[in-house]
Amino acid sequence: MRAVRQHEFGPAGNLLFEEVPDPSPAAGQVRIAVRASGVHLADTAIRAGVAIGPFQRAELPMTPGREVAGVVDGLGEGTDPAWLGRPVVAHLGMVSGGYAELAVADATALHTLPDRLDHAVAVAIVGTGRITMGILDIAMPTPEDVVLVTAAAGGIGTLLVQAARNAGATVVGVAGGAAKTERVRASGATIAVDYTAPGWADAVRKALGGREVTLALDGVGGEPGRAALDLLGAGGRLVLFGWSAGEPTRFTSADLFERSLSVSVALGPRILRIPGGLRGLEERSLAEAAAGRLVPAVQAFPLKDAAAAHTALETRATIGKVVLVP
């Protein structure tokens, strides 16, 4: 088979498209003929050799990728034969191997592909969607909320905009550049603002016409995250789920006391404690997508161009969830 391989840590150019032996599923596993592979920002850190969150420095050589969709074409010993030939989507967990024409997965990780979803959409929702559902369980947007979403044209941001609108909230989506703000509007945001423009926070205030942000959902951190916190009115809530800008949103306890703000972190242990765990969140996100309530934005690259996909992610040149297809 052909797969993306990495022999050294470093830049995106270290991702090579090579011929490698076909993998064989072990007991309790299946082999998937991959039709779509998900690409995550964390993959770029892993590629660079940076330990991030639960991901330690990988052992090389390796094939990156932890989200796949396709058709089961092989079974390991003891695996239920009913899986053979079935279209599936799976999150591979802490292992890798998704950027390939064939991948192995534990049978316990599989979800049957919902009828209404194609492979690219399914792989765009299984990992990104589960994070989104976890964020929403913690944030709990209501019709009374004015919700600000940073990086609102990204994979998670697009889904958060849609979910907040589905909850009846007024949604302010901020993103970088005209193309991305247009995408935010198309996702259903009431207000879309370019946060690469000077004075963007003032533009949000003006557009709200005296209303205040009550809930901010921030996965960017840095200056945009701090600006989101400053836009919150008294009693507002800030939910943090990452810092793609390179540093977390900075604040002090005094910042919180001054306006009775609350801050929650929707990462790691907090999400794992949600009833049903990660698998339950995956099931819910797939159901929301199958019902048409969540529609991920997908930007596809050919599998052989994984390096270009990583470069686009790192330079913020992507819209929605990045997916590799054969």
C-alpha atoms as a PDB file:
ATOM      1  CA  MET A   1       0.000   0.000   0.000  1.00  0.00           C
ATOM      2  CA  ARG A   2       0.959   3.657  -0.118  1.00  0.00           C
ATOM      3  CA  ALA A   3       1.166   5.734   3.030  1.00  0.00           C
ATOM      4  CA  VAL A   4       2.532   8.993   4.358  1.00  0.00           C
ATOM      5  CA  ARG A   5       5.710   8.271   6.319  1.00  0.00           C
ATOM      6  CA  GLN A   6       7.874  10.349   8.595  1.00  0.00           C
ATOM      7  CA  HIS A   7      11.477   9.360   9.304  1.00  0.00           C
ATOM      8  CA  GLU A   8      12.660  12.551  11.005  1.00  0.00           C
ATOM      9  CA  PHE A   9      11.053  15.251  13.144  1.00  0.00           C
ATOM     10  CA  GLY A  10      10.844  18.657  11.559  1.00  0.00           C
ATOM     11  CA  PRO A  11       8.956  20.624   8.904  1.00  0.00           C
ATOM     12  CA  ALA A  12       6.030  19.491   6.813  1.00  0.00           C
ATOM     13  CA  GLY A  13       8.389  18.483   4.015  1.00  0.00           C
ATOM     14  CA  ASN A  14       9.453  15.519   6.156  1.00  0.00           C
ATOM     15  CA  LEU A  15       6.126  13.848   5.349  1.00  0.00           C
ATOM     16  CA  LEU A  16       6.878  11.472   2.456  1.00  0.00           C
ATOM     17  CA  PHE A  17       4.491   9.419   0.320  1.00  0.00           C
ATOM     18  CA  GLU A  18       5.931   5.904   0.156  1.00  0.00           C
ATOM     19  CA  GLU A  19       5.201   2.262  -0.613  1.00  0.00           C
ATOM     20  CA  VAL A  20       5.032   0.236   2.604  1.00  0.00           C
ATOM     21  CA  PRO A  21       3.868  -3.294   3.520  1.00  0.00           C
ATOM     22  CA  ASP A  22       0.138  -3.781   4.018  1.00  0.00           C
ATOM     23  CA  PRO A  23      -0.784  -3.865   7.724  1.00  0.00           C
ATOM     24  CA  SER A  24      -2.400  -6.954   9.249  1.00  0.00           C
ATOM     25  CA  PRO A  25      -5.099  -6.676  11.922  1.00  0.00           C
ATOM     26  CA  ALA A  26      -4.339  -8.338  15.260  1.00  0.00           C
ATOM     27  CA  ALA A  27      -6.874 -10.156  17.418  1.00  0.00           C
ATOM     28  CA  GLY A  28      -9.927  -7.986  18.003  1.00  0.00           C
ATOM     29  CA  GLN A  29      -8.960  -5.585  15.210  1.00  0.00           C
ATOM     30  CA  VAL A  30     -10.090  -4.851  11.660  1.00  0.00           C
ATOM     31  CA  ARG A  31      -8.316  -3.500   8.626  1.00  0.00           C
ATOM     32  CA  ILE A  32      -9.942  -0.551   6.896  1.00  0.00           C
ATOM     33  CA  ALA A  33      -9.569   0.373   3.227  1.00  0.00           C
ATOM     34  CA  VAL A  34      -9.325   4.086   3.916  1.00  0.00           C
ATOM     35  CA  ARG A  35     -11.466   6.527   1.947  1.00  0.00           C
ATOM     36  CA  ALA A  36     -10.726   9.584   4.107  1.00  0.00           C
ATOM     37  CA  SER A  37      -8.240  10.464   6.850  1.00  0.00           C
ATOM     38  CA  GLY A  38      -8.624  13.321   9.308  1.00  0.00           C
ATOM     39  CA  VAL A  39      -5.858  15.870   9.889  1.00  0.00           C
ATOM     40  CA  HIS A  40      -5.628  17.664  13.236  1.00  0.00           C
ATOM     41  CA  LEU A  41      -3.532  20.635  14.326  1.00  0.00           C
ATOM     42  CA  ALA A  42      -2.002  18.366  16.972  1.00  0.00           C
ATOM     43  CA  ASP A  43      -0.621  16.260  14.112  1.00  0.00           C
ATOM     44  CA  THR A  44       1.645  19.147  13.138  1.00  0.00           C
ATOM     45  CA  ALA A  45       3.114  19.314  16.644  1.00  0.00           C
ATOM     46  CA  ILE A  46       3.626  15.550  16.708  1.00  0.00           C
ATOM     47  CA  ARG A  47       5.369  15.793  13.327  1.00  0.00           C
ATOM     48  CA  ALA A  48       7.680  18.493  14.687  1.00  0.00           C
ATOM     49  CA  GLY A  49       8.618  16.296  17.646  1.00  0.00           C
ATOM     50  CA  VAL A  50       6.843  18.408  20.245  1.00  0.00           C
ATOM     51  CA  ALA A  51       5.057  16.713  23.148  1.00  0.00           C
ATOM     52  CA  ILE A  52       1.604  18.283  23.371  1.00  0.00           C
ATOM     53  CA  GLY A  53      -0.972  17.430  26.013  1.00  0.00           C
ATOM     54  CA  PRO A  54      -1.293  13.637  26.223  1.00  0.00           C
ATOM     55  CA  PHE A  55       0.799  13.126  23.071  1.00  0.00           C
ATOM     56  CA  GLN A  56       4.401  12.279  23.797  1.00  0.00           C
ATOM     57  CA  ARG A  57       7.268  12.421  21.322  1.00  0.00           C
ATOM     58  CA  ALA A  58       6.488   9.767  18.732  1.00  0.00           C
ATOM     59  CA  GLU A  59       8.703   6.851  17.785  1.00  0.00           C
ATOM     60  CA  LEU A  60       9.996   7.058  14.214  1.00  0.00           C
ATOM     61  CA  PRO A  61       9.473   6.071  11.498  1.00  0.00           C
ATOM     62  CA  MET A  62       5.718   6.532  11.687  1.00  0.00           C
ATOM     63  CA  THR A  63       2.570   7.105   9.681  1.00  0.00           C
ATOM     64  CA  PRO A  64       0.565   9.974  11.250  1.00  0.00           C
ATOM     65  CA  GLY A  65      -3.203  10.242  11.547  1.00  0.00           C
ATOM     66  CA  ARG A  66      -5.768   9.159  14.127  1.00  0.00           C
ATOM     67  CA  GLU A  67      -9.125   9.465  12.302  1.00  0.00           C
ATOM     68  CA  VAL A  68     -10.195   7.269   9.396  1.00  0.00           C
ATOM     69  CA  ALA A  69     -13.291   6.339   7.434  1.00  0.00           C
ATOM     70  CA  GLY A  70     -13.593   3.585   4.880  1.00  0.00           C
ATOM     71  CA  VAL A  71     -14.666  -0.016   4.387  1.00  0.00           C
ATOM     72  CA  VAL A  72     -13.576  -2.979   6.509  1.00  0.00           C
ATOM     73  CA  ASP A  73     -11.609  -5.350   4.271  1.00  0.00           C
ATOM     74  CA  GLY A  74      -9.904  -7.606   6.811  1.00  0.00           C
ATOM     75  CA  LEU A  75     -10.478  -9.115  10.246  1.00  0.00           C
ATOM     76  CA  GLY A  76      -8.197 -10.132  13.062  1.00  0.00           C
ATOM     77  CA  GLU A  77      -8.678 -13.307  15.054  1.00  0.00           C
ATOM     78  CA  GLY A  78     -11.887 -13.317  17.055  1.00  0.00           C
ATOM     79  CA  THR A  79     -13.319 -10.185  15.442  1.00  0.00           C
ATOM     80  CA  ASP A  80     -17.049 -10.275  14.667  1.00  0.00           C
ATOM     81  CA  PRO A  81     -17.352 -11.279  10.972  1.00  0.00           C
ATOM     82  CA  ALA A  82     -20.343  -8.941  10.609  1.00  0.00           C
ATOM     83  CA  TRP A  83     -17.850  -6.054  10.293  1.00  0.00           C
ATOM     84  CA  LEU A  84     -16.414  -7.361   7.016  1.00  0.00           C
ATOM     85  CA  GLY A  85     -17.442  -5.150   4.089  1.00  0.00           C
ATOM     86  CA  ARG A  86     -19.132  -2.612   6.346  1.00  0.00           C
ATOM     87  CA  PRO A  87     -18.521   1.147   5.839  1.00  0.00           C
ATOM     88  CA  VAL A  88     -17.131   2.531   9.086  1.00  0.00           C
ATOM     89  CA  VAL A  89     -15.550   5.536  10.754  1.00  0.00           C
ATOM     90  CA  ALA A  90     -13.187   5.343  13.699  1.00  0.00           C
ATOM     91  CA  HIS A  91     -10.984   7.426  15.940  1.00  0.00           C
ATOM     92  CA  LEU A  92      -7.780   5.458  16.449  1.00  0.00           C
ATOM     93  CA  GLY A  93      -7.056   7.007  19.859  1.00  0.00           C
ATOM     94  CA  MET A  94      -3.450   7.559  20.850  1.00  0.00           C
ATOM     95  CA  VAL A  95      -2.059   5.372  18.067  1.00  0.00           C
ATOM     96  CA  SER A  96      -1.309   6.553  14.542  1.00  0.00           C
ATOM     97  CA  GLY A  97      -1.506   5.107  11.042  1.00  0.00           C
ATOM     98  CA  GLY A  98      -4.399   7.012   9.489  1.00  0.00           C
ATOM     99  CA  TYR A  99      -2.592   8.741   6.606  1.00  0.00           C
ATOM    100  CA  ALA A 100      -2.581   5.578   4.526  1.00  0.00           C
ATOM    101  CA  GLU A 101      -4.549   3.529   2.028  1.00  0.00           C
ATOM    102  CA  LEU A 102      -5.023   0.826   4.693  1.00  0.00           C
ATOM    103  CA  ALA A 103      -5.247   1.221   8.469  1.00  0.00           C
ATOM    104  CA  VAL A 104      -5.945  -1.064  11.406  1.00  0.00           C
ATOM    105  CA  ALA A 105      -8.318  -0.214  14.239  1.00  0.00           C
ATOM    106  CA  ASP A 106      -9.714  -1.927  17.293  1.00  0.00           C
ATOM    107  CA  ALA A 107     -13.214  -3.195  16.578  1.00  0.00           C
ATOM    108  CA  THR A 108     -14.361  -1.417  19.738  1.00  0.00           C
ATOM    109  CA  ALA A 109     -13.476   1.929  18.091  1.00  0.00           C
ATOM    110  CA  LEU A 110     -15.682   1.413  15.041  1.00  0.00           C
ATOM    111  CA  HIS A 111     -18.916   3.195  14.222  1.00  0.00           C
ATOM    112  CA  THR A 112     -21.022   2.067  11.285  1.00  0.00           C
ATOM    113  CA  LEU A 113     -21.088   4.919   8.789  1.00  0.00           C
ATOM    114  CA  PRO A 114     -24.505   6.620   8.972  1.00  0.00           C
ATOM    115  CA  ASP A 115     -26.401   6.379   5.684  1.00  0.00           C
ATOM    116  CA  ARG A 116     -26.506  10.140   5.086  1.00  0.00           C
ATOM    117  CA  LEU A 117     -22.784  10.735   5.593  1.00  0.00           C
ATOM    118  CA  ASP A 118     -20.011  10.258   3.089  1.00  0.00           C
ATOM    119  CA  HIS A 119     -16.551   9.222   4.236  1.00  0.00           C
ATOM    120  CA  ALA A 120     -15.023  12.713   4.239  1.00  0.00           C
ATOM    121  CA  VAL A 121     -17.845  14.202   6.300  1.00  0.00           C
ATOM    122  CA  ALA A 122     -17.804  11.278   8.726  1.00  0.00           C
ATOM    123  CA  VAL A 123     -14.078  11.545   9.344  1.00  0.00           C
ATOM    124  CA  ALA A 124     -14.472  15.311   9.749  1.00  0.00           C
ATOM    125  CA  ILE A 125     -17.037  14.814  12.510  1.00  0.00           C
ATOM    126  CA  VAL A 126     -15.829  11.809  14.518  1.00  0.00           C
ATOM    127  CA  GLY A 127     -12.943  13.534  16.318  1.00  0.00           C
ATOM    128  CA  THR A 128     -13.779  17.209  15.851  1.00  0.00           C
ATOM    129  CA  GLY A 129     -17.404  16.497  16.637  1.00  0.00           C
ATOM    130  CA  ARG A 130     -16.692  14.731  19.894  1.00  0.00           C
ATOM    131  CA  ILE A 131     -14.668  17.710  21.106  1.00  0.00           C
ATOM    132  CA  THR A 132     -17.486  20.012  20.013  1.00  0.00           C
ATOM    133  CA  MET A 133     -20.079  18.003  21.911  1.00  0.00           C
ATOM    134  CA  GLY A 134     -17.908  18.065  25.012  1.00  0.00           C
ATOM    135  CA  ILE A 135     -17.521  21.837  24.775  1.00  0.00           C
ATOM    136  CA  LEU A 136     -21.270  22.248  24.401  1.00  0.00           C
ATOM    137  CA  ASP A 137     -21.979  20.026  27.409  1.00  0.00           C
ATOM    138  CA  ILE A 138     -19.800  22.316  29.509  1.00  0.00           C
ATOM    139  CA  ALA A 139     -20.891  25.631  27.946  1.00  0.00           C
ATOM    140  CA  MET A 140     -24.636  24.860  27.694  1.00  0.00           C
ATOM    141  CA  PRO A 141     -25.659  27.764  25.386  1.00  0.00           C
ATOM    142  CA  THR A 142     -29.260  28.985  25.718  1.00  0.00           C
ATOM    143  CA  PRO A 143     -31.566  31.253  23.678  1.00  0.00           C
ATOM    144  CA  GLU A 144     -30.721  34.075  26.092  1.00  0.00           C
ATOM    145  CA  ASP A 145     -26.998  33.901  25.309  1.00  0.00           C
ATOM    146  CA  VAL A 146     -24.850  36.032  23.054  1.00  0.00           C
ATOM    147  CA  VAL A 147     -22.137  33.533  22.114  1.00  0.00           C
ATOM    148  CA  LEU A 148     -18.728  34.586  20.787  1.00  0.00           C
ATOM    149  CA  VAL A 149     -16.763  31.880  18.933  1.00  0.00           C
ATOM    150  CA  THR A 150     -13.085  32.443  18.082  1.00  0.00           C
ATOM    151  CA  ALA A 151     -11.621  30.717  14.999  1.00  0.00           C
ATOM    152  CA  ALA A 152     -15.225  30.340  13.898  1.00  0.00           C
ATOM    153  CA  ALA A 153     -14.267  29.126  10.401  1.00  0.00           C
ATOM    154  CA  GLY A 154     -12.225  26.209  11.744  1.00  0.00           C
ATOM    155  CA  GLY A 155     -13.356  22.625  12.119  1.00  0.00           C
ATOM    156  CA  ILE A 156     -14.587  23.001  15.697  1.00  0.00           C
ATOM    157  CA  GLY A 157     -15.571  26.658  15.295  1.00  0.00           C
ATOM    158  CA  THR A 158     -17.892  25.903  12.376  1.00  0.00           C
ATOM    159  CA  LEU A 159     -19.722  23.281  14.433  1.00  0.00           C
ATOM    160  CA  LEU A 160     -19.921  25.526  17.509  1.00  0.00           C
ATOM    161  CA  VAL A 161     -21.492  28.318  15.459  1.00  0.00           C
ATOM    162  CA  GLN A 162     -24.119  25.917  14.123  1.00  0.00           C
ATOM    163  CA  ALA A 163     -24.821  24.357  17.531  1.00  0.00           C
ATOM    164  CA  ALA A 164     -25.158  27.725  19.269  1.00  0.00           C
ATOM    165  CA  ARG A 165     -27.606  28.872  16.594  1.00  0.00           C
ATOM    166  CA  ASN A 166     -29.491  25.592  16.972  1.00  0.00           C
ATOM    167  CA  ALA A 167     -29.796  26.428  20.676  1.00  0.00           C
ATOM    168  CA  GLY A 168     -31.390  29.767  19.761  1.00  0.00           C
ATOM    169  CA  ALA A 169     -28.455  31.951  20.800  1.00  0.00           C
ATOM    170  CA  THR A 170     -27.209  35.079  19.073  1.00  0.00           C
ATOM    171  CA  VAL A 171     -23.842  34.056  17.627  1.00  0.00           C
ATOM    172  CA  VAL A 172     -20.813  36.241  16.973  1.00  0.00           C
ATOM    173  CA  GLY A 173     -18.217  34.388  14.912  1.00  0.00           C
ATOM    174  CA  VAL A 174     -14.740  35.845  14.531  1.00  0.00           C
ATOM    175  CA  ALA A 175     -12.226  34.551  11.996  1.00  0.00           C
ATOM    176  CA  GLY A 176      -9.227  35.742   9.993  1.00  0.00           C
ATOM    177  CA  GLY A 177      -9.833  37.290   6.594  1.00  0.00           C
ATOM    178  CA  ALA A 178     -12.738  37.972   4.254  1.00  0.00           C
ATOM    179  CA  ALA A 179     -13.091  34.398   2.945  1.00  0.00           C
ATOM    180  CA  LYS A 180     -13.269  32.978   6.445  1.00  0.00           C
ATOM    181  CA  THR A 181     -15.740  35.564   7.736  1.00  0.00           C
ATOM    182  CA  GLU A 182     -17.955  34.803   4.740  1.00  0.00           C
ATOM    183  CA  ARG A 183     -17.803  31.130   5.682  1.00  0.00           C
ATOM    184  CA  VAL A 184     -18.790  32.060   9.251  1.00  0.00           C
ATOM    185  CA  ARG A 185     -21.866  33.872   7.939  1.00  0.00           C
ATOM    186  CA  ALA A 186     -22.748  30.854   5.820  1.00  0.00           C
ATOM    187  CA  SER A 187     -22.542  28.666   8.936  1.00  0.00           C
ATOM    188  CA  GLY A 188     -25.275  30.756  10.531  1.00  0.00           C
ATOM    189  CA  ALA A 189     -23.496  33.349  12.643  1.00  0.00           C
ATOM    190  CA  THR A 190     -25.619  36.411  13.389  1.00  0.00           C
ATOM    191  CA  ILE A 191     -22.485  38.570  13.241  1.00  0.00           C
ATOM    192  CA  ALA A 192     -19.163  37.752  11.544  1.00  0.00           C
ATOM    193  CA  VAL A 193     -16.046  39.817  12.234  1.00  0.00           C
ATOM    194  CA  ASP A 194     -12.492  39.645  10.873  1.00  0.00           C
ATOM    195  CA  TYR A 195     -10.167  39.516  13.860  1.00  0.00           C
ATOM    196  CA  THR A 196      -7.106  40.294  11.769  1.00  0.00           C
ATOM    197  CA  ALA A 197      -8.515  43.819  11.277  1.00  0.00           C
ATOM    198  CA  PRO A 198      -7.487  46.565  13.719  1.00  0.00           C
ATOM    199  CA  GLY A 199     -10.108  47.277  16.367  1.00  0.00           C
ATOM    200  CA  TRP A 200     -12.072  44.101  15.719  1.00  0.00           C
ATOM    201  CA  ALA A 201     -13.341  43.950  19.310  1.00  0.00           C
ATOM    202  CA  ASP A 202     -14.870  47.410  18.883  1.00  0.00           C
ATOM    203  CA  ALA A 203     -16.501  46.179  15.679  1.00  0.00           C
ATOM    204  CA  VAL A 204     -18.120  43.390  17.703  1.00  0.00           C
ATOM    205  CA  ARG A 205     -19.409  45.869  20.293  1.00  0.00           C
ATOM    206  CA  LYS A 206     -20.823  48.114  17.569  1.00  0.00           C
ATOM    207  CA  ALA A 207     -22.528  45.215  15.805  1.00  0.00           C
ATOM    208  CA  LEU A 208     -24.143  44.082  19.066  1.00  0.00           C
ATOM    209  CA  GLY A 209     -25.703  47.513  19.538  1.00  0.00           C
ATOM    210  CA  GLY A 210     -25.484  47.591  23.317  1.00  0.00           C
ATOM    211  CA  ARG A 211     -25.887  43.875  24.012  1.00  0.00           C
ATOM    212  CA  GLU A 212     -23.002  42.109  25.750  1.00  0.00           C
ATOM    213  CA  VAL A 213     -21.351  38.775  25.114  1.00  0.00           C
ATOM    214  CA  THR A 214     -22.504  36.276  27.741  1.00  0.00           C
ATOM    215  CA  LEU A 215     -20.552  33.199  26.608  1.00  0.00           C
ATOM    216  CA  ALA A 216     -17.179  33.044  24.842  1.00  0.00           C
ATOM    217  CA  LEU A 217     -15.871  29.792  23.340  1.00  0.00           C
ATOM    218  CA  ASP A 218     -12.136  30.132  22.747  1.00  0.00           C
ATOM    219  CA  GLY A 219      -9.714  27.699  21.165  1.00  0.00           C
ATOM    220  CA  VAL A 220      -7.242  30.338  19.976  1.00  0.00           C
ATOM    221  CA  GLY A 221      -5.762  31.895  23.115  1.00  0.00           C
ATOM    222  CA  GLY A 222      -3.242  34.722  22.929  1.00  0.00           C
ATOM    223  CA  GLU A 223      -4.535  38.186  22.026  1.00  0.00           C
ATOM    224  CA  PRO A 224      -7.800  36.969  20.460  1.00  0.00           C
ATOM    225  CA  GLY A 225      -8.608  34.919  23.551  1.00  0.00           C
ATOM    226  CA  ARG A 226      -7.908  37.847  25.847  1.00  0.00           C
ATOM    227  CA  ALA A 227     -10.065  40.118  23.685  1.00  0.00           C
ATOM    228  CA  ALA A 228     -12.880  37.557  23.892  1.00  0.00           C
ATOM    229  CA  LEU A 229     -12.651  37.618  27.688  1.00  0.00           C
ATOM    230  CA  ASP A 230     -12.691  41.443  27.685  1.00  0.00           C
ATOM    231  CA  LEU A 231     -15.862  41.393  25.576  1.00  0.00           C
ATOM    232  CA  LEU A 232     -17.759  39.406  28.209  1.00  0.00           C
ATOM    233  CA  GLY A 233     -20.352  41.288  30.201  1.00  0.00           C
ATOM    234  CA  ALA A 234     -20.870  40.907  33.942  1.00  0.00           C
ATOM    235  CA  GLY A 235     -21.507  37.294  34.882  1.00  0.00           C
ATOM    236  CA  GLY A 236     -20.209  36.025  31.541  1.00  0.00           C
ATOM    237  CA  ARG A 237     -18.701  32.593  30.949  1.00  0.00           C
ATOM    238  CA  LEU A 238     -15.478  31.748  29.141  1.00  0.00           C
ATOM    239  CA  VAL A 239     -14.885  28.181  27.946  1.00  0.00           C
ATOM    240  CA  LEU A 240     -11.332  27.394  26.848  1.00  0.00           C
ATOM    241  CA  PHE A 241     -10.461  24.435  24.630  1.00  0.00           C
ATOM    242  CA  GLY A 242      -7.037  25.223  23.175  1.00  0.00           C
ATOM    243  CA  TRP A 243      -4.533  27.856  22.147  1.00  0.00           C
ATOM    244  CA  SER A 244      -3.770  27.649  18.439  1.00  0.00           C
ATOM    245  CA  ALA A 245      -2.153  31.104  18.696  1.00  0.00           C
ATOM    246  CA  GLY A 246       0.716  29.500  20.606  1.00  0.00           C
ATOM    247  CA  GLU A 247      -0.121  30.558  24.157  1.00  0.00           C
ATOM    248  CA  PRO A 248      -3.175  30.200  26.395  1.00  0.00           C
ATOM    249  CA  THR A 249      -5.522  33.103  27.073  1.00  0.00           C
ATOM    250  CA  ARG A 250      -4.020  35.053  29.955  1.00  0.00           C
ATOM    251  CA  PHE A 251      -6.050  36.413  32.863  1.00  0.00           C
ATOM    252  CA  THR A 252      -5.857  36.844  36.609  1.00  0.00           C
ATOM    253  CA  SER A 253      -8.277  36.125  39.404  1.00  0.00           C
ATOM    254  CA  ALA A 254      -8.784  39.893  39.627  1.00  0.00           C
ATOM    255  CA  ASP A 255     -10.101  39.873  36.036  1.00  0.00           C
ATOM    256  CA  LEU A 256     -12.713  37.339  37.079  1.00  0.00           C
ATOM    257  CA  PHE A 257     -13.723  39.020  40.328  1.00  0.00           C
ATOM    258  CA  GLU A 258     -14.179  42.448  38.714  1.00  0.00           C
ATOM    259  CA  ARG A 259     -17.079  41.232  36.528  1.00  0.00           C
ATOM    260  CA  SER A 260     -18.042  37.974  38.257  1.00  0.00           C
ATOM    261  CA  LEU A 261     -16.786  35.960  35.307  1.00  0.00           C
ATOM    262  CA  SER A 262     -16.412  32.191  35.277  1.00  0.00           C
ATOM    263  CA  VAL A 263     -13.873  30.172  33.312  1.00  0.00           C
ATOM    264  CA  SER A 264     -14.083  26.484  32.377  1.00  0.00           C
ATOM    265  CA  VAL A 265     -11.626  24.280  30.519  1.00  0.00           C
ATOM    266  CA  ALA A 266     -13.126  21.816  28.025  1.00  0.00           C
ATOM    267  CA  LEU A 267     -10.118  19.561  27.615  1.00  0.00           C
ATOM    268  CA  GLY A 268      -8.789  16.223  28.840  1.00  0.00           C
ATOM    269  CA  PRO A 269     -10.146  15.028  32.185  1.00  0.00           C
ATOM    270  CA  ARG A 270     -13.120  17.399  32.136  1.00  0.00           C
ATOM    271  CA  ILE A 271     -14.430  15.916  28.888  1.00  0.00           C
ATOM    272  CA  LEU A 272     -13.545  12.364  29.892  1.00  0.00           C
ATOM    273  CA  ARG A 273     -15.815  12.708  32.925  1.00  0.00           C
ATOM    274  CA  ILE A 274     -18.863  13.444  30.760  1.00  0.00           C
ATOM    275  CA  PRO A 275     -21.280  10.481  30.994  1.00  0.00           C
ATOM    276  CA  GLY A 276     -20.702   8.079  28.115  1.00  0.00           C
ATOM    277  CA  GLY A 277     -17.085   9.165  27.679  1.00  0.00           C
ATOM    278  CA  LEU A 278     -15.472   9.857  24.345  1.00  0.00           C
ATOM    279  CA  ARG A 279     -17.361   7.108  22.548  1.00  0.00           C
ATOM    280  CA  GLY A 280     -20.662   8.568  23.682  1.00  0.00           C
ATOM    281  CA  LEU A 281     -19.608  11.976  22.382  1.00  0.00           C
ATOM    282  CA  GLU A 282     -18.628  10.412  19.044  1.00  0.00           C
ATOM    283  CA  GLU A 283     -22.011   8.717  18.753  1.00  0.00           C
ATOM    284  CA  ARG A 284     -23.836  11.939  19.496  1.00  0.00           C
ATOM    285  CA  SER A 285     -21.797  13.982  17.019  1.00  0.00           C
ATOM    286  CA  LEU A 286     -22.328  11.421  14.249  1.00  0.00           C
ATOM    287  CA  ALA A 287     -26.065  11.425  15.000  1.00  0.00           C
ATOM    288  CA  GLU A 288     -26.176  15.220  14.843  1.00  0.00           C
ATOM    289  CA  ALA A 289     -24.406  15.155  11.484  1.00  0.00           C
ATOM    290  CA  ALA A 290     -26.648  12.388  10.126  1.00  0.00           C
ATOM    291  CA  ALA A 291     -29.692  14.449  11.138  1.00  0.00           C
ATOM    292  CA  GLY A 292     -28.295  17.500   9.338  1.00  0.00           C
ATOM    293  CA  ARG A 293     -28.067  19.610  12.486  1.00  0.00           C
ATOM    294  CA  LEU A 294     -24.269  19.772  12.320  1.00  0.00           C
ATOM    295  CA  VAL A 295     -22.630  20.138   8.906  1.00  0.00           C
ATOM    296  CA  PRO A 296     -18.836  20.150   9.038  1.00  0.00           C
ATOM    297  CA  ALA A 297     -16.884  22.297   6.627  1.00  0.00           C
ATOM    298  CA  VAL A 298     -14.421  20.008   4.831  1.00  0.00           C
ATOM    299  CA  GLN A 299     -11.261  21.016   2.983  1.00  0.00           C
ATOM    300  CA  ALA A 300      -9.827  17.992   1.195  1.00  0.00           C
ATOM    301  CA  PHE A 301      -6.257  17.355   0.054  1.00  0.00           C
ATOM    302  CA  PRO A 302      -4.976  14.293  -1.814  1.00  0.00           C
ATOM    303  CA  LEU A 303      -3.302  11.793   0.509  1.00  0.00           C
ATOM    304  CA  LYS A 304      -0.012  12.259  -1.325  1.00  0.00           C
ATOM    305  CA  ASP A 305      -0.156  15.978  -0.475  1.00  0.00           C
ATOM    306  CA  ALA A 306      -0.210  15.560   3.316  1.00  0.00           C
ATOM    307  CA  ALA A 307       2.767  17.919   3.588  1.00  0.00           C
ATOM    308  CA  ALA A 308       0.778  20.654   1.831  1.00  0.00           C
ATOM    309  CA  ALA A 309      -2.156  20.013   4.169  1.00  0.00           C
ATOM    310  CA  HIS A 310       0.105  20.452   7.216  1.00  0.00           C
ATOM    311  CA  THR A 311       1.580  23.653   5.790  1.00  0.00           C
ATOM    312  CA  ALA A 312      -1.886  25.056   5.122  1.00  0.00           C
ATOM    313  CA  LEU A 313      -2.973  24.269   8.683  1.00  0.00           C
ATOM    314  CA  GLU A 314       0.116  25.844  10.220  1.00  0.00           C
ATOM    315  CA  THR A 315      -0.260  29.021   8.166  1.00  0.00           C
ATOM    316  CA  ARG A 316      -4.011  29.256   8.917  1.00  0.00           C
ATOM    317  CA  ALA A 317      -4.836  28.926   5.237  1.00  0.00           C
ATOM    318  CA  THR A 318      -7.575  26.332   5.764  1.00  0.00           C
ATOM    319  CA  ILE A 319     -11.320  26.577   6.286  1.00  0.00           C
ATOM    320  CA  GLY A 320     -13.037  23.876   8.291  1.00  0.00           C
ATOM    321  CA  LYS A 321     -11.698  20.383   8.913  1.00  0.00           C
ATOM    322  CA  VAL A 322      -8.755  19.199   6.807  1.00  0.00           C
ATOM    323  CA  VAL A 323      -9.227  15.726   5.310  1.00  0.00           C
ATOM    324  CA  LEU A 324      -6.929  13.568   3.174  1.00  0.00           C
ATOM    325  CA  VAL A 325      -8.467  11.444   0.419  1.00  0.00           C
ATOM    326  CA  PRO A 326      -6.809   8.783  -1.783  1.00  0.00           C
END
